PDB file of N, CA and C in Angstrom:
ATOM      1  N   MET A   1      -3.524 -88.289  84.894  1.00  0.00           N
ATOM      2  CA  MET A   1      -3.734 -86.522  83.806  1.00  0.00           C
ATOM      3  C   MET A   1      -4.540 -86.388  85.968  1.00  0.00           C
ATOM      4  N   LEU A   2      -5.041 -86.878  86.139  1.00  0.00           N
ATOM      5  CA  LEU A   2      -5.851 -86.214  87.533  1.00  0.00           C
ATOM      6  C   LEU A   2      -5.333 -86.571  88.984  1.00  0.00           C
ATOM      7  N   LYS A   3      -4.215 -87.206  88.605  1.00  0.00           N
ATOM      8  CA  LYS A   3      -3.308 -87.214  89.816  1.00  0.00           C
ATOM      9  C   LYS A   3      -2.491 -86.189  90.055  1.00  0.00           C
ATOM     10  N   ILE A   4      -2.563 -85.353  89.271  1.00  0.00           N
ATOM     11  CA  ILE A   4      -0.857 -84.510  88.643  1.00  0.00           C
ATOM     12  C   ILE A   4      -1.485 -83.174  88.400  1.00  0.00           C
ATOM     13  N   GLY A   5      -0.848 -82.072  89.139  1.00  0.00           N
ATOM     14  CA  GLY A   5      -0.879 -81.288  89.240  1.00  0.00           C
ATOM     15  C   GLY A   5      -1.730 -80.109  89.622  1.00  0.00           C
ATOM     16  N   ARG A   6      -2.564 -78.878  89.690  1.00  0.00           N
ATOM     17  CA  ARG A   6      -3.623 -78.027  90.009  1.00  0.00           C
ATOM     18  C   ARG A   6      -4.679 -78.732  88.537  1.00  0.00           C
ATOM     19  N   HIS A   7      -6.245 -78.293  89.048  1.00  0.00           N
ATOM     20  CA  HIS A   7      -6.598 -78.726  88.046  1.00  0.00           C
ATOM     21  C   HIS A   7      -7.821 -77.444  87.899  1.00  0.00           C
ATOM     22  N   PHE A   8      -8.182 -77.320  86.578  1.00  0.00           N
ATOM     23  CA  PHE A   8      -9.005 -76.218  86.698  1.00  0.00           C
ATOM     24  C   PHE A   8      -9.629 -76.543  85.071  1.00  0.00           C
ATOM     25  N   ARG A   9     -11.102 -76.048  85.809  1.00  0.00           N
ATOM     26  CA  ARG A   9     -12.062 -76.600  84.434  1.00  0.00           C
ATOM     27  C   ARG A   9     -12.584 -75.039  83.847  1.00  0.00           C
ATOM     28  N   PHE A  10     -12.232 -74.868  82.739  1.00  0.00           N
ATOM     29  CA  PHE A  10     -13.064 -73.611  81.801  1.00  0.00           C
ATOM     30  C   PHE A  10     -14.716 -73.849  81.355  1.00  0.00           C
ATOM     31  N   ASP A  11     -14.957 -74.972  81.284  1.00  0.00           N
ATOM     32  CA  ASP A  11     -16.396 -75.422  80.692  1.00  0.00           C
ATOM     33  C   ASP A  11     -16.507 -77.020  80.450  1.00  0.00           C
ATOM     34  N   GLY A  12     -17.366 -77.522  80.016  1.00  0.00           N
ATOM     35  CA  GLY A  12     -18.124 -78.380  79.999  1.00  0.00           C
ATOM     36  C   GLY A  12     -16.883 -79.320  79.437  1.00  0.00           C
ATOM     37  N   THR A  13     -16.265 -78.934  78.460  1.00  0.00           N
ATOM     38  CA  THR A  13     -15.198 -79.812  77.627  1.00  0.00           C
ATOM     39  C   THR A  13     -13.421 -78.951  77.511  1.00  0.00           C
ATOM     40  N   THR A  14     -13.419 -78.166  78.404  1.00  0.00           N
ATOM     41  CA  THR A  14     -12.155 -77.588  78.718  1.00  0.00           C
ATOM     42  C   THR A  14     -11.435 -77.721  79.777  1.00  0.00           C
ATOM     43  N   LYS A  15     -10.193 -78.350  80.315  1.00  0.00           N
ATOM     44  CA  LYS A  15     -10.083 -78.113  81.424  1.00  0.00           C
ATOM     45  C   LYS A  15      -7.939 -77.554  81.063  1.00  0.00           C
ATOM     46  N   PHE A  16      -7.380 -76.891  82.091  1.00  0.00           N
ATOM     47  CA  PHE A  16      -6.239 -77.022  82.689  1.00  0.00           C
ATOM     48  C   PHE A  16      -5.493 -77.255  83.461  1.00  0.00           C
ATOM     49  N   ILE A  17      -4.370 -77.596  83.875  1.00  0.00           N
ATOM     50  CA  ILE A  17      -3.456 -78.288  84.359  1.00  0.00           C
ATOM     51  C   ILE A  17      -2.172 -77.558  84.398  1.00  0.00           C
ATOM     52  N   VAL A  18      -1.775 -77.155  85.806  1.00  0.00           N
ATOM     53  CA  VAL A  18      -0.961 -76.665  86.363  1.00  0.00           C
ATOM     54  C   VAL A  18       0.302 -77.711  87.380  1.00  0.00           C
ATOM     55  N   GLY A  19       1.453 -77.978  86.696  1.00  0.00           N
ATOM     56  CA  GLY A  19       2.349 -78.314  87.720  1.00  0.00           C
ATOM     57  C   GLY A  19       2.888 -77.723  88.933  1.00  0.00           C
ATOM     58  N   ARG A  20       3.143 -78.786  89.623  1.00  0.00           N
ATOM     59  CA  ARG A  20       3.401 -78.127  91.075  1.00  0.00           C
ATOM     60  C   ARG A  20       4.987 -77.947  91.640  1.00  0.00           C
ATOM     61  N   HIS A  21       5.083 -78.904  90.947  1.00  0.00           N
ATOM     62  CA  HIS A  21       7.244 -79.156  90.968  1.00  0.00           C
ATOM     63  C   HIS A  21       7.262 -79.515  89.492  1.00  0.00           C
ATOM     64  N   LYS A  22       8.983 -80.229  89.608  1.00  0.00           N
ATOM     65  CA  LYS A  22       9.879 -80.505  88.411  1.00  0.00           C
ATOM     66  C   LYS A  22       9.171 -81.675  87.905  1.00  0.00           C
ATOM     67  N   ASP A  23       8.692 -82.909  88.751  1.00  0.00           N
ATOM     68  CA  ASP A  23       8.591 -83.811  88.047  1.00  0.00           C
ATOM     69  C   ASP A  23       7.282 -84.150  87.387  1.00  0.00           C
ATOM     70  N   GLU A  24       6.280 -83.108  88.313  1.00  0.00           N
ATOM     71  CA  GLU A  24       4.709 -83.463  87.858  1.00  0.00           C
ATOM     72  C   GLU A  24       5.512 -82.554  86.123  1.00  0.00           C
ATOM     73  N   ASN A  25       5.922 -81.175  86.267  1.00  0.00           N
ATOM     74  CA  ASN A  25       6.233 -80.397  84.695  1.00  0.00           C
ATOM     75  C   ASN A  25       6.718 -81.265  83.594  1.00  0.00           C
ATOM     76  N   GLU A  26       7.265 -82.121  83.977  1.00  0.00           N
ATOM     77  CA  GLU A  26       8.128 -83.404  83.234  1.00  0.00           C
ATOM     78  C   GLU A  26       6.942 -84.161  83.276  1.00  0.00           C
ATOM     79  N   MET A  27       6.136 -84.700  83.900  1.00  0.00           N
ATOM     80  CA  MET A  27       4.672 -85.803  83.678  1.00  0.00           C
ATOM     81  C   MET A  27       3.879 -84.926  82.238  1.00  0.00           C
ATOM     82  N   ILE A  28       3.478 -83.494  82.833  1.00  0.00           N
ATOM     83  CA  ILE A  28       2.365 -83.140  81.981  1.00  0.00           C
ATOM     84  C   ILE A  28       2.822 -83.005  80.464  1.00  0.00           C
ATOM     85  N   LYS A  29       4.660 -82.587  80.109  1.00  0.00           N
ATOM     86  CA  LYS A  29       4.996 -82.268  78.690  1.00  0.00           C
ATOM     87  C   LYS A  29       4.731 -83.801  78.113  1.00  0.00           C
ATOM     88  N   ALA A  30       5.334 -84.950  79.048  1.00  0.00           N
ATOM     89  CA  ALA A  30       5.164 -86.411  78.429  1.00  0.00           C
ATOM     90  C   ALA A  30       3.619 -86.813  78.009  1.00  0.00           C
ATOM     91  N   LEU A  31       2.788 -86.452  78.712  1.00  0.00           N
ATOM     92  CA  LEU A  31       1.079 -86.861  78.492  1.00  0.00           C
ATOM     93  C   LEU A  31       0.551 -86.167  77.995  1.00  0.00           C
ATOM     94  N   ALA A  32       1.294 -84.786  77.269  1.00  0.00           N
ATOM     95  CA  ALA A  32       0.028 -83.724  76.629  1.00  0.00           C
ATOM     96  C   ALA A  32       0.042 -84.415  74.959  1.00  0.00           C
ATOM     97  N   LEU A  33      -1.056 -84.292  74.484  1.00  0.00           N
ATOM     98  CA  LEU A  33      -1.618 -85.355  73.459  1.00  0.00           C
ATOM     99  C   LEU A  33      -1.627 -84.660  72.247  1.00  0.00           C
ATOM    100  N   PRO A  34      -1.102 -84.648  71.257  1.00  0.00           N
ATOM    101  CA  PRO A  34      -1.560 -84.228  69.763  1.00  0.00           C
ATOM    102  C   PRO A  34      -2.612 -82.809  70.381  1.00  0.00           C
ATOM    103  N   GLY A  35      -2.908 -81.835  69.505  1.00  0.00           N
ATOM    104  CA  GLY A  35      -4.059 -80.715  70.101  1.00  0.00           C
ATOM    105  C   GLY A  35      -3.588 -79.707  71.347  1.00  0.00           C
ATOM    106  N   ASP A  36      -3.097 -80.526  72.013  1.00  0.00           N
ATOM    107  CA  ASP A  36      -2.737 -79.374  73.625  1.00  0.00           C
ATOM    108  C   ASP A  36      -2.111 -78.406  73.254  1.00  0.00           C
ATOM    109  N   VAL A  37      -2.347 -77.664  74.424  1.00  0.00           N
ATOM    110  CA  VAL A  37      -1.228 -76.731  74.229  1.00  0.00           C
ATOM    111  C   VAL A  37      -0.518 -76.523  75.283  1.00  0.00           C
ATOM    112  N   LEU A  38       0.483 -76.028  75.531  1.00  0.00           N
ATOM    113  CA  LEU A  38       1.489 -76.277  76.306  1.00  0.00           C
ATOM    114  C   LEU A  38       2.187 -74.913  76.852  1.00  0.00           C
ATOM    115  N   PHE A  39       2.155 -74.435  78.221  1.00  0.00           N
ATOM    116  CA  PHE A  39       2.202 -73.292  78.673  1.00  0.00           C
ATOM    117  C   PHE A  39       3.455 -72.973  78.941  1.00  0.00           C
ATOM    118  N   ASP A  40       4.216 -72.143  79.260  1.00  0.00           N
ATOM    119  CA  ASP A  40       5.365 -71.960  80.343  1.00  0.00           C
ATOM    120  C   ASP A  40       5.978 -70.371  80.274  1.00  0.00           C
ATOM    121  N   ALA A  41       6.007 -70.077  81.551  1.00  0.00           N
ATOM    122  CA  ALA A  41       6.401 -68.394  81.561  1.00  0.00           C
ATOM    123  C   ALA A  41       7.867 -67.769  81.183  1.00  0.00           C
ATOM    124  N   LYS A  42       7.973 -67.093  80.224  1.00  0.00           N
ATOM    125  CA  LYS A  42       9.330 -66.800  79.474  1.00  0.00           C
ATOM    126  C   LYS A  42      10.224 -66.485  80.279  1.00  0.00           C
ATOM    127  N   ASP A  43       9.906 -65.493  80.908  1.00  0.00           N
ATOM    128  CA  ASP A  43      11.701 -64.408  81.653  1.00  0.00           C
ATOM    129  C   ASP A  43      11.151 -65.153  83.555  1.00  0.00           C
ATOM    130  N   HIS A  44      10.230 -66.189  83.712  1.00  0.00           N
ATOM    131  CA  HIS A  44      10.289 -65.873  85.436  1.00  0.00           C
ATOM    132  C   HIS A  44       9.980 -67.880  85.335  1.00  0.00           C
ATOM    133  N   VAL A  45      10.704 -68.302  86.749  1.00  0.00           N
ATOM    134  CA  VAL A  45      10.541 -69.988  87.147  1.00  0.00           C
ATOM    135  C   VAL A  45       9.221 -69.669  87.426  1.00  0.00           C
ATOM    136  N   GLY A  46       8.438 -71.508  86.560  1.00  0.00           N
ATOM    137  CA  GLY A  46       7.261 -71.319  86.453  1.00  0.00           C
ATOM    138  C   GLY A  46       7.029 -72.487  86.263  1.00  0.00           C
ATOM    139  N   PRO A  47       5.581 -72.852  86.619  1.00  0.00           N
ATOM    140  CA  PRO A  47       5.561 -74.291  86.206  1.00  0.00           C
ATOM    141  C   PRO A  47       5.200 -74.704  85.014  1.00  0.00           C
ATOM    142  N   ILE A  48       4.835 -76.107  84.126  1.00  0.00           N
ATOM    143  CA  ILE A  48       4.495 -76.122  82.739  1.00  0.00           C
ATOM    144  C   ILE A  48       2.940 -76.565  82.890  1.00  0.00           C
ATOM    145  N   SER A  49       2.335 -75.994  81.989  1.00  0.00           N
ATOM    146  CA  SER A  49       0.571 -76.148  82.518  1.00  0.00           C
ATOM    147  C   SER A  49       0.097 -76.521  80.915  1.00  0.00           C
ATOM    148  N   LEU A  50      -0.846 -77.215  81.039  1.00  0.00           N
ATOM    149  CA  LEU A  50      -1.601 -77.756  79.855  1.00  0.00           C
ATOM    150  C   LEU A  50      -2.887 -77.549  79.902  1.00  0.00           C
ATOM    151  N   LEU A  51      -3.110 -77.042  78.775  1.00  0.00           N
ATOM    152  CA  LEU A  51      -4.765 -77.088  78.411  1.00  0.00           C
ATOM    153  C   LEU A  51      -5.288 -77.847  77.635  1.00  0.00           C
ATOM    154  N   ARG A  52      -6.739 -78.441  77.280  1.00  0.00           N
ATOM    155  CA  ARG A  52      -6.689 -79.608  76.443  1.00  0.00           C
ATOM    156  C   ARG A  52      -8.473 -79.018  76.148  1.00  0.00           C
ATOM    157  N   GLY A  53      -8.740 -79.195  75.339  1.00  0.00           N
ATOM    158  CA  GLY A  53     -10.188 -78.439  74.632  1.00  0.00           C
ATOM    159  C   GLY A  53      -9.821 -77.785  74.398  1.00  0.00           C
ATOM    160  N   ASP A  54     -11.227 -76.804  74.235  1.00  0.00           N
ATOM    161  CA  ASP A  54     -11.329 -75.775  73.386  1.00  0.00           C
ATOM    162  C   ASP A  54     -10.130 -74.286  73.975  1.00  0.00           C
ATOM    163  N   ASP A  55      -9.216 -74.620  72.840  1.00  0.00           N
ATOM    164  CA  ASP A  55      -8.117 -73.666  73.267  1.00  0.00           C
ATOM    165  C   ASP A  55      -8.480 -71.907  72.248  1.00  0.00           C
ATOM    166  N   SER A  56      -9.680 -71.625  72.378  1.00  0.00           N
ATOM    167  CA  SER A  56     -10.198 -70.236  71.802  1.00  0.00           C
ATOM    168  C   SER A  56      -9.861 -69.179  72.621  1.00  0.00           C
ATOM    169  N   GLU A  57      -9.193 -67.892  71.860  1.00  0.00           N
ATOM    170  CA  GLU A  57      -8.367 -67.149  72.263  1.00  0.00           C
ATOM    171  C   GLU A  57      -8.498 -66.426  73.495  1.00  0.00           C
ATOM    172  N   LYS A  58      -9.874 -66.791  74.255  1.00  0.00           N
ATOM    173  CA  LYS A  58     -10.380 -66.658  75.678  1.00  0.00           C
ATOM    174  C   LYS A  58     -10.125 -67.351  76.249  1.00  0.00           C
ATOM    175  N   ASN A  59      -9.869 -68.877  76.068  1.00  0.00           N
ATOM    176  CA  ASN A  59      -9.359 -70.050  76.933  1.00  0.00           C
ATOM    177  C   ASN A  59      -7.762 -69.182  76.884  1.00  0.00           C
ATOM    178  N   LEU A  60      -6.728 -69.453  75.641  1.00  0.00           N
ATOM    179  CA  LEU A  60      -5.457 -69.200  75.638  1.00  0.00           C
ATOM    180  C   LEU A  60      -5.218 -68.246  76.535  1.00  0.00           C
ATOM    181  N   LYS A  61      -5.816 -66.995  76.931  1.00  0.00           N
ATOM    182  CA  LYS A  61      -5.548 -65.678  77.684  1.00  0.00           C
ATOM    183  C   LYS A  61      -6.083 -66.464  79.166  1.00  0.00           C
ATOM    184  N   LEU A  62      -6.984 -66.759  79.197  1.00  0.00           N
ATOM    185  CA  LEU A  62      -6.833 -67.247  80.645  1.00  0.00           C
ATOM    186  C   LEU A  62      -6.096 -68.252  81.224  1.00  0.00           C
ATOM    187  N   ALA A  63      -5.840 -69.359  80.504  1.00  0.00           N
ATOM    188  CA  ALA A  63      -4.651 -70.097  80.950  1.00  0.00           C
ATOM    189  C   ALA A  63      -3.335 -69.329  81.070  1.00  0.00           C
ATOM    190  N   ALA A  64      -3.036 -68.309  80.061  1.00  0.00           N
ATOM    191  CA  ALA A  64      -1.905 -68.072  79.812  1.00  0.00           C
ATOM    192  C   ALA A  64      -1.911 -67.023  81.302  1.00  0.00           C
ATOM    193  N   ALA A  65      -2.974 -66.403  81.730  1.00  0.00           N
ATOM    194  CA  ALA A  65      -2.950 -65.478  82.960  1.00  0.00           C
ATOM    195  C   ALA A  65      -2.782 -66.365  84.358  1.00  0.00           C
ATOM    196  N   ILE A  66      -3.101 -67.685  83.975  1.00  0.00           N
ATOM    197  CA  ILE A  66      -3.181 -68.565  85.429  1.00  0.00           C
ATOM    198  C   ILE A  66      -1.522 -69.030  85.568  1.00  0.00           C
ATOM    199  N   ALA A  67      -0.897 -69.623  84.367  1.00  0.00           N
ATOM    200  CA  ALA A  67       0.525 -69.749  84.270  1.00  0.00           C
ATOM    201  C   ALA A  67       1.071 -68.808  84.559  1.00  0.00           C
ATOM    202  N   LEU A  68       1.123 -67.585  84.459  1.00  0.00           N
ATOM    203  CA  LEU A  68       2.033 -66.371  84.802  1.00  0.00           C
ATOM    204  C   LEU A  68       1.633 -66.158  86.497  1.00  0.00           C
ATOM    205  N   ARG A  69       0.822 -66.423  86.783  1.00  0.00           N
ATOM    206  CA  ARG A  69       0.019 -66.631  88.139  1.00  0.00           C
ATOM    207  C   ARG A  69       0.522 -67.309  89.354  1.00  0.00           C
ATOM    208  N   TYR A  70       0.808 -68.613  88.353  1.00  0.00           N
ATOM    209  CA  TYR A  70       1.705 -69.616  89.195  1.00  0.00           C
ATOM    210  C   TYR A  70       3.158 -69.303  89.792  1.00  0.00           C
ATOM    211  N   SER A  71       3.914 -68.769  88.438  1.00  0.00           N
ATOM    212  CA  SER A  71       5.154 -68.520  88.128  1.00  0.00           C
ATOM    213  C   SER A  71       5.837 -67.728  89.311  1.00  0.00           C
ATOM    214  N   ASP A  72       6.807 -67.271  89.227  1.00  0.00           N
ATOM    215  CA  ASP A  72       7.828 -66.160  90.438  1.00  0.00           C
ATOM    216  C   ASP A  72       7.701 -64.913  89.567  1.00  0.00           C
ATOM    217  N   ALA A  73       7.005 -64.483  88.965  1.00  0.00           N
ATOM    218  CA  ALA A  73       6.231 -63.112  87.904  1.00  0.00           C
ATOM    219  C   ALA A  73       6.149 -62.316  89.186  1.00  0.00           C
ATOM    220  N   PRO A  74       6.178 -61.305  89.162  1.00  0.00           N
ATOM    221  CA  PRO A  74       6.008 -59.865  89.689  1.00  0.00           C
ATOM    222  C   PRO A  74       4.253 -59.726  89.593  1.00  0.00           C
ATOM    223  N   ARG A  75       3.145 -59.932  90.232  1.00  0.00           N
ATOM    224  CA  ARG A  75       1.734 -59.796  90.708  1.00  0.00           C
ATOM    225  C   ARG A  75       1.127 -58.577  89.396  1.00  0.00           C
ATOM    226  N   ASP A  76       2.155 -57.916  89.867  1.00  0.00           N
ATOM    227  CA  ASP A  76       1.408 -56.271  89.045  1.00  0.00           C
ATOM    228  C   ASP A  76       2.182 -55.635  88.191  1.00  0.00           C
ATOM    229  N   LYS A  77       2.750 -56.885  87.226  1.00  0.00           N
ATOM    230  CA  LYS A  77       3.563 -56.530  85.797  1.00  0.00           C
ATOM    231  C   LYS A  77       2.787 -57.512  84.418  1.00  0.00           C
ATOM    232  N   GLU A  78       2.680 -57.262  83.679  1.00  0.00           N
ATOM    233  CA  GLU A  78       2.628 -58.362  82.196  1.00  0.00           C
ATOM    234  C   GLU A  78       4.093 -58.783  82.443  1.00  0.00           C
ATOM    235  N   GLY A  79       3.679 -59.968  81.666  1.00  0.00           N
ATOM    236  CA  GLY A  79       4.472 -61.159  81.351  1.00  0.00           C
ATOM    237  C   GLY A  79       4.549 -61.777  80.265  1.00  0.00           C
ATOM    238  N   ILE A  80       5.184 -62.505  79.667  1.00  0.00           N
ATOM    239  CA  ILE A  80       5.386 -62.963  78.600  1.00  0.00           C
ATOM    240  C   ILE A  80       5.130 -64.523  78.799  1.00  0.00           C
ATOM    241  N   VAL A  81       4.157 -65.323  78.207  1.00  0.00           N
ATOM    242  CA  VAL A  81       4.088 -67.093  78.579  1.00  0.00           C
ATOM    243  C   VAL A  81       4.231 -67.300  77.283  1.00  0.00           C
ATOM    244  N   LEU A  82       5.087 -68.439  77.059  1.00  0.00           N
ATOM    245  CA  LEU A  82       5.418 -69.080  75.852  1.00  0.00           C
ATOM    246  C   LEU A  82       3.967 -70.173  75.316  1.00  0.00           C
ATOM    247  N   THR A  83       3.495 -70.533  74.833  1.00  0.00           N
ATOM    248  CA  THR A  83       2.849 -71.536  74.730  1.00  0.00           C
ATOM    249  C   THR A  83       3.157 -72.371  73.154  1.00  0.00           C
ATOM    250  N   GLU A  84       2.924 -73.711  73.281  1.00  0.00           N
ATOM    251  CA  GLU A  84       3.137 -74.814  71.782  1.00  0.00           C
ATOM    252  C   GLU A  84       2.171 -75.961  71.751  1.00  0.00           C
ATOM    253  N   LYS A  85       2.451 -75.773  70.340  1.00  0.00           N
ATOM    254  CA  LYS A  85       0.867 -76.954  69.652  1.00  0.00           C
ATOM    255  C   LYS A  85       1.433 -77.450  68.903  1.00  0.00           C
ATOM    256  N   ASN A  86       1.150 -78.463  69.067  1.00  0.00           N
ATOM    257  CA  ASN A  86       1.647 -79.424  67.752  1.00  0.00           C
ATOM    258  C   ASN A  86       3.210 -78.754  67.030  1.00  0.00           C
ATOM    259  N   GLY A  87       3.939 -78.496  68.064  1.00  0.00           N
ATOM    260  CA  GLY A  87       5.245 -78.025  67.764  1.00  0.00           C
ATOM    261  C   GLY A  87       5.274 -76.541  66.825  1.00  0.00           C
ATOM    262  N   THR A  88       4.291 -75.932  67.076  1.00  0.00           N
ATOM    263  CA  THR A  88       4.110 -74.394  66.726  1.00  0.00           C
ATOM    264  C   THR A  88       4.431 -73.689  68.357  1.00  0.00           C
ATOM    265  N   LYS A  89       5.621 -73.019  68.208  1.00  0.00           N
ATOM    266  CA  LYS A  89       5.536 -72.227  69.375  1.00  0.00           C
ATOM    267  C   LYS A  89       5.156 -70.314  69.176  1.00  0.00           C
ATOM    268  N   SER A  90       4.228 -70.072  70.284  1.00  0.00           N
ATOM    269  CA  SER A  90       4.156 -68.579  70.065  1.00  0.00           C
ATOM    270  C   SER A  90       4.192 -68.148  71.663  1.00  0.00           C
ATOM    271  N   GLU A  91       3.729 -66.595  71.664  1.00  0.00           N
ATOM    272  CA  GLU A  91       4.181 -66.268  73.041  1.00  0.00           C
ATOM    273  C   GLU A  91       2.778 -65.318  72.833  1.00  0.00           C
ATOM    274  N   ILE A  92       2.290 -65.119  74.304  1.00  0.00           N
ATOM    275  CA  ILE A  92       0.920 -64.245  74.854  1.00  0.00           C
ATOM    276  C   ILE A  92       1.455 -63.754  75.678  1.00  0.00           C
ATOM    277  N   VAL A  93       1.289 -62.355  75.686  1.00  0.00           N
ATOM    278  CA  VAL A  93       1.877 -61.075  76.813  1.00  0.00           C
ATOM    279  C   VAL A  93       0.179 -61.206  77.260  1.00  0.00           C
ATOM    280  N   THR A  94       0.495 -61.346  78.346  1.00  0.00           N
ATOM    281  CA  THR A  94      -0.771 -61.446  79.731  1.00  0.00           C
ATOM    282  C   THR A  94      -0.413 -60.685  80.992  1.00  0.00           C
ATOM    283  N   GLY A  95      -1.223 -60.390  82.080  1.00  0.00           N
ATOM    284  CA  GLY A  95      -1.232 -59.140  83.028  1.00  0.00           C
ATOM    285  C   GLY A  95      -1.603 -60.384  83.949  1.00  0.00           C
ATOM    286  N   GLY A  96      -1.552 -60.061  85.395  1.00  0.00           N
ATOM    287  CA  GLY A  96      -1.403 -61.006  86.186  1.00  0.00           C
ATOM    288  C   GLY A  96      -3.395 -60.828  86.129  1.00  0.00           C
ATOM    289  N   ILE A  97      -3.386 -62.048  87.158  1.00  0.00           N
ATOM    290  CA  ILE A  97      -5.068 -62.550  87.016  1.00  0.00           C
ATOM    291  C   ILE A  97      -5.167 -62.494  88.839  1.00  0.00           C
ATOM    292  N   THR A  98      -5.986 -62.165  89.240  1.00  0.00           N
ATOM    293  CA  THR A  98      -6.243 -62.061  91.016  1.00  0.00           C
ATOM    294  C   THR A  98      -6.842 -63.110  91.128  1.00  0.00           C
ATOM    295  N   GLU A  99      -6.784 -63.690  92.621  1.00  0.00           N
ATOM    296  CA  GLU A  99      -7.125 -65.088  93.167  1.00  0.00           C
ATOM    297  C   GLU A  99      -8.237 -65.191  93.034  1.00  0.00           C
ATOM    298  N   PRO A 100      -9.398 -64.466  92.863  1.00  0.00           N
ATOM    299  CA  PRO A 100     -10.900 -64.811  93.123  1.00  0.00           C
ATOM    300  C   PRO A 100     -11.208 -65.039  91.159  1.00  0.00           C
ATOM    301  N   GLU A 101     -10.613 -64.567  90.787  1.00  0.00           N
ATOM    302  CA  GLU A 101     -11.048 -64.402  89.305  1.00  0.00           C
ATOM    303  C   GLU A 101     -10.433 -65.938  88.987  1.00  0.00           C
ATOM    304  N   TYR A 102      -8.932 -66.594  89.151  1.00  0.00           N
ATOM    305  CA  TYR A 102      -8.976 -67.983  89.021  1.00  0.00           C
ATOM    306  C   TYR A 102      -9.612 -69.080  89.645  1.00  0.00           C
ATOM    307  N   LEU A 103      -9.810 -68.647  90.662  1.00  0.00           N
ATOM    308  CA  LEU A 103     -10.294 -69.415  92.064  1.00  0.00           C
ATOM    309  C   LEU A 103     -11.620 -70.318  91.469  1.00  0.00           C
ATOM    310  N   GLN A 104     -12.251 -69.446  90.559  1.00  0.00           N
ATOM    311  CA  GLN A 104     -13.549 -69.936  90.365  1.00  0.00           C
ATOM    312  C   GLN A 104     -13.638 -71.056  89.635  1.00  0.00           C
ATOM    313  N   TYR A 105     -12.325 -71.374  88.583  1.00  0.00           N
ATOM    314  CA  TYR A 105     -12.260 -72.125  87.776  1.00  0.00           C
ATOM    315  C   TYR A 105     -11.674 -73.513  88.565  1.00  0.00           C
ATOM    316  N   ARG A 106     -11.137 -73.406  89.211  1.00  0.00           N
ATOM    317  CA  ARG A 106     -10.383 -74.540  90.232  1.00  0.00           C
ATOM    318  C   ARG A 106     -11.364 -75.799  91.044  1.00  0.00           C
ATOM    319  N   ILE A 107     -10.590 -76.482  90.092  1.00  0.00           N
ATOM    320  CA  ILE A 107     -11.111 -77.929  91.013  1.00  0.00           C
ATOM    321  C   ILE A 107     -10.754 -78.454  92.001  1.00  0.00           C
TER     322      ILE A 107
END
């Protein structure tokens, strides 16, 4: 996983990986472990992302906002991010996140 995507560290046990292109998106899906959460912007072209570690509401919302930011979604509007964990799918409605807000987590 270290050679795939953009990496973010939310805390000591939680990391978030955002695919950079189609091949990485497919690798991220293939390397997902049970308990990992996959993210995909619902109505916009964008990366597949993976959250591994603490999937608290705070981390899920942060991950969804970053996933939406890296998609083609307009920066000034809310969007829906699809999540999947252990076969269970859900949606998170999130607004955009600014560059300074998410770059503090980027490795």
